[in-house]
């Protein structure tokens, strides 16, 4: 995924979103679905702002899976 630099926060936004996504997957693995949904939502919001379609798609797919399992 391309890196979008945020001058406000001083970091690459997609890197932050990817960290949230990794944390969500770890929560999913631990069957902590509520926490996983929170992290997926945070990642999804960032991906939406920067129009990163792959990240948006991953977040939506995983959100559907986690909601189903919860």
PDB file of N, CA and C in Angstrom:
ATOM      1  N   UNK A   1       0.835  -1.174   0.000  1.00  0.00           N
ATOM      2  CA  UNK A   1       0.000   0.000   0.000  1.00  0.00           C
ATOM      3  C   UNK A   1       0.884   1.242   0.000  1.00  0.00           C
ATOM      4  N   UNK A   2       0.465   2.266  -0.686  1.00  0.00           N
ATOM      5  CA  UNK A   2       1.270   3.480  -0.704  1.00  0.00           C
ATOM      6  C   UNK A   2       1.252   4.172   0.654  1.00  0.00           C
ATOM      7  N   UNK A   3       2.337   4.857   0.949  1.00  0.00           N
ATOM      8  CA  UNK A   3       2.454   5.562   2.218  1.00  0.00           C
ATOM      9  C   UNK A   3       1.987   6.996   2.045  1.00  0.00           C
ATOM     10  N   UNK A   4       1.066   7.427   2.888  1.00  0.00           N
ATOM     11  CA  UNK A   4       0.585   8.803   2.866  1.00  0.00           C
ATOM     12  C   UNK A   4       1.102   9.488   4.117  1.00  0.00           C
ATOM     13  N   UNK A   5       1.879  10.521   3.947  1.00  0.00           N
ATOM     14  CA  UNK A   5       2.466  11.213   5.093  1.00  0.00           C
ATOM     15  C   UNK A   5       1.485  12.234   5.655  1.00  0.00           C
ATOM     16  N   UNK A   6       1.302  12.199   6.943  1.00  0.00           N
ATOM     17  CA  UNK A   6       0.451  13.166   7.629  1.00  0.00           C
ATOM     18  C   UNK A   6       1.350  14.207   8.287  1.00  0.00           C
ATOM     19  N   UNK A   7       1.279  15.443   7.812  1.00  0.00           N
ATOM     20  CA  UNK A   7       2.120  16.480   8.387  1.00  0.00           C
ATOM     21  C   UNK A   7       1.649  16.864   9.782  1.00  0.00           C
ATOM     22  N   UNK A   8       0.370  16.684  10.069  1.00  0.00           N
ATOM     23  CA  UNK A   8      -0.146  16.995  11.401  1.00  0.00           C
ATOM     24  C   UNK A   8       0.481  16.096  12.454  1.00  0.00           C
ATOM     25  N   UNK A   9       0.433  14.810  12.217  1.00  0.00           N
ATOM     26  CA  UNK A   9       0.872  13.862  13.233  1.00  0.00           C
ATOM     27  C   UNK A   9       2.342  13.492  13.088  1.00  0.00           C
ATOM     28  N   UNK A  10       2.950  13.737  11.930  1.00  0.00           N
ATOM     29  CA  UNK A  10       4.350  13.424  11.734  1.00  0.00           C
ATOM     30  C   UNK A  10       4.638  11.952  11.507  1.00  0.00           C
ATOM     31  N   UNK A  11       3.687  11.205  11.001  1.00  0.00           N
ATOM     32  CA  UNK A  11       3.903   9.799  10.698  1.00  0.00           C
ATOM     33  C   UNK A  11       3.152   9.456   9.426  1.00  0.00           C
ATOM     34  N   UNK A  12       3.439   8.299   8.888  1.00  0.00           N
ATOM     35  CA  UNK A  12       2.718   7.844   7.701  1.00  0.00           C
ATOM     36  C   UNK A  12       1.376   7.267   8.156  1.00  0.00           C
ATOM     37  N   UNK A  13       0.321   7.821   7.643  1.00  0.00           N
ATOM     38  CA  UNK A  13      -1.025   7.419   8.070  1.00  0.00           C
ATOM     39  C   UNK A  13      -1.285   5.951   7.796  1.00  0.00           C
ATOM     40  N   UNK A  14      -0.866   5.462   6.643  1.00  0.00           N
ATOM     41  CA  UNK A  14      -1.145   4.062   6.345  1.00  0.00           C
ATOM     42  C   UNK A  14      -0.354   3.140   7.269  1.00  0.00           C
ATOM     43  N   UNK A  15       0.807   3.582   7.746  1.00  0.00           N
ATOM     44  CA  UNK A  15       1.545   2.772   8.719  1.00  0.00           C
ATOM     45  C   UNK A  15       0.746   2.645  10.009  1.00  0.00           C
ATOM     46  N   UNK A  16       0.150   3.736  10.445  1.00  0.00           N
ATOM     47  CA  UNK A  16      -0.669   3.705  11.658  1.00  0.00           C
ATOM     48  C   UNK A  16      -1.880   2.786  11.453  1.00  0.00           C
ATOM     49  N   UNK A  17      -2.514   2.898  10.301  1.00  0.00           N
ATOM     50  CA  UNK A  17      -3.660   2.047   9.996  1.00  0.00           C
ATOM     51  C   UNK A  17      -3.246   0.577   9.950  1.00  0.00           C
ATOM     52  N   UNK A  18      -2.086   0.307   9.391  1.00  0.00           N
ATOM     53  CA  UNK A  18      -1.599  -1.069   9.331  1.00  0.00           C
ATOM     54  C   UNK A  18      -1.315  -1.616  10.730  1.00  0.00           C
ATOM     55  N   UNK A  19      -0.836  -0.757  11.619  1.00  0.00           N
ATOM     56  CA  UNK A  19      -0.614  -1.180  13.010  1.00  0.00           C
ATOM     57  C   UNK A  19      -1.949  -1.527  13.664  1.00  0.00           C
ATOM     58  N   UNK A  20      -2.959  -0.677  13.448  1.00  0.00           N
ATOM     59  CA  UNK A  20      -4.294  -0.978  13.982  1.00  0.00           C
ATOM     60  C   UNK A  20      -4.807  -2.301  13.420  1.00  0.00           C
ATOM     61  N   UNK A  21      -4.575  -2.530  12.144  1.00  0.00           N
ATOM     62  CA  UNK A  21      -5.022  -3.763  11.494  1.00  0.00           C
ATOM     63  C   UNK A  21      -4.323  -4.981  12.106  1.00  0.00           C
ATOM     64  N   UNK A  22      -3.033  -4.882  12.322  1.00  0.00           N
ATOM     65  CA  UNK A  22      -2.289  -5.980  12.951  1.00  0.00           C
ATOM     66  C   UNK A  22      -2.800  -6.244  14.362  1.00  0.00           C
ATOM     67  N   UNK A  23      -3.079  -5.181  15.107  1.00  0.00           N
ATOM     68  CA  UNK A  23      -3.615  -5.346  16.463  1.00  0.00           C
ATOM     69  C   UNK A  23      -4.993  -6.001  16.416  1.00  0.00           C
ATOM     70  N   UNK A  24      -5.804  -5.621  15.450  1.00  0.00           N
ATOM     71  CA  UNK A  24      -7.134  -6.223  15.306  1.00  0.00           C
ATOM     72  C   UNK A  24      -7.024  -7.719  15.022  1.00  0.00           C
ATOM     73  N   UNK A  25      -6.087  -8.088  14.182  1.00  0.00           N
ATOM     74  CA  UNK A  25      -5.900  -9.513  13.865  1.00  0.00           C
ATOM     75  C   UNK A  25      -5.450 -10.279  15.100  1.00  0.00           C
ATOM     76  N   UNK A  26      -4.594  -9.676  15.904  1.00  0.00           N
ATOM     77  CA  UNK A  26      -4.156 -10.329  17.139  1.00  0.00           C
ATOM     78  C   UNK A  26      -5.328 -10.490  18.111  1.00  0.00           C
ATOM     79  N   UNK A  27      -6.161  -9.460  18.249  1.00  0.00           N
ATOM     80  CA  UNK A  27      -7.351  -9.582  19.099  1.00  0.00           C
ATOM     81  C   UNK A  27      -8.292 -10.667  18.569  1.00  0.00           C
ATOM     82  N   UNK A  28      -8.429 -10.741  17.249  1.00  0.00           N
ATOM     83  CA  UNK A  28      -9.254 -11.782  16.640  1.00  0.00           C
ATOM     84  C   UNK A  28      -8.702 -13.160  17.007  1.00  0.00           C
ATOM     85  N   UNK A  29      -7.400 -13.313  16.880  1.00  0.00           N
ATOM     86  CA  UNK A  29      -6.760 -14.589  17.193  1.00  0.00           C
ATOM     87  C   UNK A  29      -7.012 -14.980  18.643  1.00  0.00           C
ATOM     88  N   UNK A  30      -7.058 -13.985  19.542  1.00  0.00           N
ATOM     89  CA  UNK A  30      -7.298 -14.231  20.960  1.00  0.00           C
ATOM     90  C   UNK A  30      -8.787 -14.298  21.306  1.00  0.00           C
ATOM     91  N   UNK A  31      -9.641 -14.220  20.297  1.00  0.00           N
ATOM     92  CA  UNK A  31     -11.096 -14.239  20.433  1.00  0.00           C
ATOM     93  C   UNK A  31     -11.609 -13.078  21.277  1.00  0.00           C
ATOM     94  N   UNK A  32     -10.948 -11.937  21.187  1.00  0.00           N
ATOM     95  CA  UNK A  32     -11.390 -10.707  21.841  1.00  0.00           C
ATOM     96  C   UNK A  32     -12.038  -9.855  20.746  1.00  0.00           C
ATOM     97  N   UNK A  33     -13.257 -10.216  20.393  1.00  0.00           N
ATOM     98  CA  UNK A  33     -13.909  -9.655  19.217  1.00  0.00           C
ATOM     99  C   UNK A  33     -14.274  -8.182  19.367  1.00  0.00           C
ATOM    100  N   UNK A  34     -14.674  -7.768  20.555  1.00  0.00           N
ATOM    101  CA  UNK A  34     -15.031  -6.373  20.759  1.00  0.00           C
ATOM    102  C   UNK A  34     -13.820  -5.466  20.518  1.00  0.00           C
ATOM    103  N   UNK A  35     -12.667  -5.855  21.056  1.00  0.00           N
ATOM    104  CA  UNK A  35     -11.440  -5.086  20.865  1.00  0.00           C
ATOM    105  C   UNK A  35     -11.011  -5.103  19.404  1.00  0.00           C
ATOM    106  N   UNK A  36     -11.181  -6.254  18.754  1.00  0.00           N
ATOM    107  CA  UNK A  36     -10.827  -6.372  17.339  1.00  0.00           C
ATOM    108  C   UNK A  36     -11.665  -5.419  16.494  1.00  0.00           C
ATOM    109  N   UNK A  37     -12.958  -5.329  16.807  1.00  0.00           N
ATOM    110  CA  UNK A  37     -13.837  -4.429  16.055  1.00  0.00           C
ATOM    111  C   UNK A  37     -13.434  -2.968  16.233  1.00  0.00           C
ATOM    112  N   UNK A  38     -13.002  -2.601  17.432  1.00  0.00           N
ATOM    113  CA  UNK A  38     -12.562  -1.223  17.668  1.00  0.00           C
ATOM    114  C   UNK A  38     -11.341  -0.891  16.820  1.00  0.00           C
ATOM    115  N   UNK A  39     -10.367  -1.779  16.792  1.00  0.00           N
ATOM    116  CA  UNK A  39      -9.147  -1.546  16.015  1.00  0.00           C
ATOM    117  C   UNK A  39      -9.447  -1.536  14.517  1.00  0.00           C
ATOM    118  N   UNK A  40     -10.335  -2.414  14.080  1.00  0.00           N
ATOM    119  CA  UNK A  40     -10.716  -2.430  12.668  1.00  0.00           C
ATOM    120  C   UNK A  40     -11.392  -1.125  12.277  1.00  0.00           C
ATOM    121  N   UNK A  41     -12.217  -0.604  13.162  1.00  0.00           N
ATOM    122  CA  UNK A  41     -12.886   0.664  12.889  1.00  0.00           C
ATOM    123  C   UNK A  41     -11.885   1.804  12.767  1.00  0.00           C
ATOM    124  N   UNK A  42     -10.902   1.829  13.655  1.00  0.00           N
ATOM    125  CA  UNK A  42      -9.881   2.871  13.605  1.00  0.00           C
ATOM    126  C   UNK A  42      -9.075   2.794  12.311  1.00  0.00           C
ATOM    127  N   UNK A  43      -8.678   1.595  11.935  1.00  0.00           N
ATOM    128  CA  UNK A  43      -7.918   1.406  10.699  1.00  0.00           C
ATOM    129  C   UNK A  43      -8.766   1.805   9.490  1.00  0.00           C
ATOM    130  N   UNK A  44     -10.021   1.390   9.495  1.00  0.00           N
ATOM    131  CA  UNK A  44     -10.938   1.679   8.390  1.00  0.00           C
ATOM    132  C   UNK A  44     -11.074   3.182   8.170  1.00  0.00           C
ATOM    133  N   UNK A  45     -11.216   3.938   9.251  1.00  0.00           N
ATOM    134  CA  UNK A  45     -11.357   5.397   9.147  1.00  0.00           C
ATOM    135  C   UNK A  45     -10.140   6.022   8.472  1.00  0.00           C
ATOM    136  N   UNK A  46      -8.958   5.570   8.844  1.00  0.00           N
ATOM    137  CA  UNK A  46      -7.737   6.115   8.248  1.00  0.00           C
ATOM    138  C   UNK A  46      -7.661   5.748   6.768  1.00  0.00           C
ATOM    139  N   UNK A  47      -7.937   4.494   6.453  1.00  0.00           N
ATOM    140  CA  UNK A  47      -7.897   4.064   5.055  1.00  0.00           C
ATOM    141  C   UNK A  47      -8.904   4.850   4.209  1.00  0.00           C
ATOM    142  N   UNK A  48     -10.062   5.155   4.775  1.00  0.00           N
ATOM    143  CA  UNK A  48     -11.069   5.935   4.054  1.00  0.00           C
ATOM    144  C   UNK A  48     -10.567   7.338   3.728  1.00  0.00           C
ATOM    145  N   UNK A  49      -9.944   7.984   4.696  1.00  0.00           N
ATOM    146  CA  UNK A  49      -9.451   9.347   4.504  1.00  0.00           C
ATOM    147  C   UNK A  49      -8.447   9.391   3.357  1.00  0.00           C
ATOM    148  N   UNK A  50      -7.571   8.388   3.286  1.00  0.00           N
ATOM    149  CA  UNK A  50      -6.527   8.377   2.271  1.00  0.00           C
ATOM    150  C   UNK A  50      -6.901   7.553   1.028  1.00  0.00           C
ATOM    151  N   UNK A  51      -8.155   7.120   0.978  1.00  0.00           N
ATOM    152  CA  UNK A  51      -8.699   6.401  -0.171  1.00  0.00           C
ATOM    153  C   UNK A  51      -7.835   5.202  -0.580  1.00  0.00           C
ATOM    154  N   UNK A  52      -7.449   4.429   0.416  1.00  0.00           N
ATOM    155  CA  UNK A  52      -6.659   3.222   0.180  1.00  0.00           C
ATOM    156  C   UNK A  52      -7.631   2.041   0.096  1.00  0.00           C
ATOM    157  N   UNK A  53      -8.012   1.730  -1.132  1.00  0.00           N
ATOM    158  CA  UNK A  53      -9.065   0.742  -1.373  1.00  0.00           C
ATOM    159  C   UNK A  53      -8.739  -0.643  -0.833  1.00  0.00           C
ATOM    160  N   UNK A  54      -7.498  -1.068  -0.935  1.00  0.00           N
ATOM    161  CA  UNK A  54      -7.134  -2.398  -0.433  1.00  0.00           C
ATOM    162  C   UNK A  54      -7.337  -2.467   1.078  1.00  0.00           C
ATOM    163  N   UNK A  55      -6.903  -1.443   1.791  1.00  0.00           N
ATOM    164  CA  UNK A  55      -7.071  -1.414   3.242  1.00  0.00           C
ATOM    165  C   UNK A  55      -8.530  -1.364   3.646  1.00  0.00           C
ATOM    166  N   UNK A  56      -9.306  -0.573   2.916  1.00  0.00           N
ATOM    167  CA  UNK A  56     -10.754  -0.484   3.176  1.00  0.00           C
ATOM    168  C   UNK A  56     -11.397  -1.851   3.009  1.00  0.00           C
ATOM    169  N   UNK A  57     -11.057  -2.530   1.936  1.00  0.00           N
ATOM    170  CA  UNK A  57     -11.623  -3.849   1.650  1.00  0.00           C
ATOM    171  C   UNK A  57     -11.271  -4.863   2.729  1.00  0.00           C
ATOM    172  N   UNK A  58     -10.015  -4.859   3.153  1.00  0.00           N
ATOM    173  CA  UNK A  58      -9.585  -5.788   4.200  1.00  0.00           C
ATOM    174  C   UNK A  58     -10.352  -5.522   5.492  1.00  0.00           C
ATOM    175  N   UNK A  59     -10.462  -4.253   5.856  1.00  0.00           N
ATOM    176  CA  UNK A  59     -11.173  -3.901   7.093  1.00  0.00           C
ATOM    177  C   UNK A  59     -12.637  -4.331   7.043  1.00  0.00           C
ATOM    178  N   UNK A  60     -13.292  -4.085   5.917  1.00  0.00           N
ATOM    179  CA  UNK A  60     -14.702  -4.457   5.804  1.00  0.00           C
ATOM    180  C   UNK A  60     -14.889  -5.972   5.849  1.00  0.00           C
ATOM    181  N   UNK A  61     -14.016  -6.698   5.194  1.00  0.00           N
ATOM    182  CA  UNK A  61     -14.111  -8.164   5.199  1.00  0.00           C
ATOM    183  C   UNK A  61     -13.902  -8.718   6.606  1.00  0.00           C
ATOM    184  N   UNK A  62     -12.862  -8.246   7.268  1.00  0.00           N
ATOM    185  CA  UNK A  62     -12.594  -8.729   8.619  1.00  0.00           C
ATOM    186  C   UNK A  62     -13.677  -8.307   9.605  1.00  0.00           C
ATOM    187  N   UNK A  63     -14.229  -7.106   9.423  1.00  0.00           N
ATOM    188  CA  UNK A  63     -15.315  -6.654  10.288  1.00  0.00           C
ATOM    189  C   UNK A  63     -16.515  -7.588  10.158  1.00  0.00           C
ATOM    190  N   UNK A  64     -16.842  -7.973   8.948  1.00  0.00           N
ATOM    191  CA  UNK A  64     -17.944  -8.910   8.733  1.00  0.00           C
ATOM    192  C   UNK A  64     -17.690 -10.244   9.408  1.00  0.00           C
ATOM    193  N   UNK A  65     -16.478 -10.754   9.290  1.00  0.00           N
ATOM    194  CA  UNK A  65     -16.117 -12.028   9.914  1.00  0.00           C
ATOM    195  C   UNK A  65     -16.206 -11.929  11.433  1.00  0.00           C
ATOM    196  N   UNK A  66     -15.623 -10.880  12.000  1.00  0.00           N
ATOM    197  CA  UNK A  66     -15.599 -10.729  13.455  1.00  0.00           C
ATOM    198  C   UNK A  66     -17.017 -10.539  14.002  1.00  0.00           C
ATOM    199  N   UNK A  67     -17.823  -9.763  13.311  1.00  0.00           N
ATOM    200  CA  UNK A  67     -19.219  -9.582  13.760  1.00  0.00           C
ATOM    201  C   UNK A  67     -19.972 -10.901  13.724  1.00  0.00           C
ATOM    202  N   UNK A  68     -19.731 -11.693  12.701  1.00  0.00           N
ATOM    203  CA  UNK A  68     -20.385 -12.995  12.595  1.00  0.00           C
ATOM    204  C   UNK A  68     -19.978 -13.891  13.776  1.00  0.00           C
ATOM    205  N   UNK A  69     -18.688 -13.900  14.075  1.00  0.00           N
ATOM    206  CA  UNK A  69     -18.189 -14.760  15.155  1.00  0.00           C
ATOM    207  C   UNK A  69     -18.610 -14.257  16.529  1.00  0.00           C
ATOM    208  N   UNK A  70     -18.765 -12.950  16.671  1.00  0.00           N
ATOM    209  CA  UNK A  70     -19.154 -12.390  17.965  1.00  0.00           C
ATOM    210  C   UNK A  70     -20.605 -12.716  18.231  1.00  0.00           C
TER     211      UNK A  70
END
